[in-house]
Amino acid sequence: MRNLRIGQTYQAENLAQILDGEYGTFVVIQGGQVFTAVSSPGHSITSLVPVGARIPTLNVGPIAEQWQVTPISEATDVLGAGRYQQAGMERERRAAGD
C-alpha cells in the first residue's frame, strides 16, 4: 500500500488510475455492484471479481458511475490462495480414492 489507507474509502472515476502504484486487496463498488480487486506491484488491477448480485441503487448520474475503493489488506495473494488451496484438496481427495 502506498497512498491509500486500509479501511478508508476513496472515490474515483477510473479504477485503474486510483490503483496505479498501489498493491493489496480492495473492496470496490460501482453502480451498485460490489467487487474484490487485487493490485500488485507493476499491475494496477491483477484481479477483479464480482461479489454477489448487483445492489439496486437510487443514485443516478455521474456519482453512480464513480468507483468507491476501500483497501482491506496489503496482501496480494488473498484471492489466489483460496483457489490453490481448493485445488490441493481436490488432488488429495483423488489420491485417497474418493
Protein backbone atom coordinates (compact mmCIF):
# COMPACT_ATOMS: atom_id res chain seq x y z
CA MET A 1 0.00 0.00 0.00
CA ARG A 2 1.42 3.34 -0.93
CA ASN A 3 -1.08 6.20 -0.65
CA LEU A 4 -4.40 4.54 0.16
CA ARG A 5 -5.02 3.68 3.81
CA ILE A 6 -6.65 0.42 4.89
CA GLY A 7 -10.26 0.89 5.93
CA GLN A 8 -10.63 4.34 4.35
CA THR A 9 -12.96 4.69 1.32
CA TYR A 10 -11.91 6.69 -1.72
CA GLN A 11 -13.87 7.70 -4.83
CA ALA A 12 -12.54 7.80 -8.36
CA GLU A 13 -13.84 7.86 -11.91
CA ASN A 14 -11.11 5.48 -13.10
CA LEU A 15 -10.37 2.33 -11.07
CA ALA A 16 -7.08 1.55 -12.79
CA GLN A 17 -5.85 5.08 -12.20
CA ILE A 18 -6.55 5.09 -8.44
CA LEU A 19 -4.94 1.64 -8.03
CA ASP A 20 -1.88 2.51 -10.12
CA GLY A 21 1.18 2.21 -7.87
CA GLU A 22 -0.83 0.52 -5.10
CA TYR A 23 -0.74 -3.09 -4.00
CA GLY A 24 -3.09 -5.16 -1.88
CA THR A 25 -6.71 -6.28 -1.77
CA PHE A 26 -9.61 -3.86 -2.12
CA VAL A 27 -13.39 -3.87 -1.93
CA VAL A 28 -14.69 -1.77 -4.80
CA ILE A 29 -18.23 -0.73 -5.68
CA GLN A 30 -19.53 0.81 -8.86
CA GLY A 31 -23.14 1.28 -9.90
CA GLY A 32 -24.39 -1.00 -7.12
CA GLN A 33 -22.05 -3.92 -7.95
CA VAL A 34 -19.51 -5.00 -5.33
CA PHE A 35 -16.14 -6.44 -6.40
CA THR A 36 -12.94 -7.60 -4.78
CA ALA A 37 -9.89 -6.27 -6.54
CA VAL A 38 -6.24 -7.18 -6.19
CA SER A 39 -3.48 -4.83 -7.26
CA SER A 40 0.14 -5.99 -7.47
CA PRO A 41 3.34 -4.01 -7.99
CA GLY A 42 3.51 -3.17 -11.69
CA HIS A 43 -0.16 -4.06 -12.31
CA SER A 44 -2.94 -1.66 -11.31
CA ILE A 45 -5.57 -4.44 -11.50
CA THR A 46 -4.38 -8.04 -11.13
CA SER A 47 -7.84 -9.42 -10.37
CA LEU A 48 -11.38 -8.00 -10.35
CA VAL A 49 -14.08 -10.44 -9.15
CA PRO A 50 -17.78 -9.58 -8.68
CA VAL A 51 -19.24 -10.44 -5.28
CA GLY A 52 -22.92 -11.39 -5.13
CA ALA A 53 -25.70 -9.77 -7.10
CA ARG A 54 -25.86 -6.15 -8.14
CA ILE A 55 -27.46 -3.95 -5.48
CA PRO A 56 -30.18 -1.71 -6.91
CA THR A 57 -29.15 1.87 -6.37
CA LEU A 58 -31.09 5.09 -6.21
CA ASN A 59 -28.09 7.13 -7.33
CA VAL A 60 -28.48 8.34 -10.86
CA GLY A 61 -25.98 10.23 -12.96
CA PRO A 62 -22.23 10.69 -12.60
CA ILE A 63 -21.97 9.71 -8.93
CA ALA A 64 -23.31 6.22 -9.67
CA GLU A 65 -20.52 5.73 -12.23
CA GLN A 66 -17.73 6.52 -9.77
CA TRP A 67 -15.81 3.72 -8.10
CA GLN A 68 -15.76 3.51 -4.32
CA VAL A 69 -12.47 1.90 -3.32
CA THR A 70 -11.69 0.58 0.18
CA PRO A 71 -8.33 -1.07 0.83
CA ILE A 72 -8.78 -4.08 3.13
CA SER A 73 -5.35 -5.76 3.10
CA GLU A 74 -1.80 -5.34 1.88
CA ALA A 75 -1.80 -9.00 0.80
CA THR A 76 -1.86 -9.60 -2.95
CA ASP A 77 -2.49 -13.37 -2.85
CA VAL A 78 -5.81 -13.35 -0.97
CA LEU A 79 -7.98 -14.47 -3.90
CA GLY A 80 -5.44 -16.83 -5.44
CA ALA A 81 -4.69 -18.60 -2.18
CA GLY A 82 -8.21 -19.99 -1.96
CA ARG A 83 -8.05 -21.39 -5.48
CA TYR A 84 -4.69 -23.06 -4.84
CA GLN A 85 -5.91 -24.49 -1.54
CA GLN A 86 -9.05 -25.89 -3.18
CA ALA A 87 -7.01 -27.47 -6.00
CA GLY A 88 -4.73 -29.08 -3.40
CA MET A 89 -7.70 -30.57 -1.55
CA GLU A 90 -9.03 -31.98 -4.85
CA ARG A 91 -5.68 -33.68 -5.52
CA GLU A 92 -5.63 -35.14 -2.01
CA ARG A 93 -9.20 -36.44 -2.40
CA ARG A 94 -8.36 -38.12 -5.72
CA ALA A 95 -5.21 -39.64 -4.26
CA ALA A 96 -7.26 -41.07 -1.39
CA GLY A 97 -9.62 -42.70 -3.90
CA ASP A 98 -12.74 -40.66 -3.10
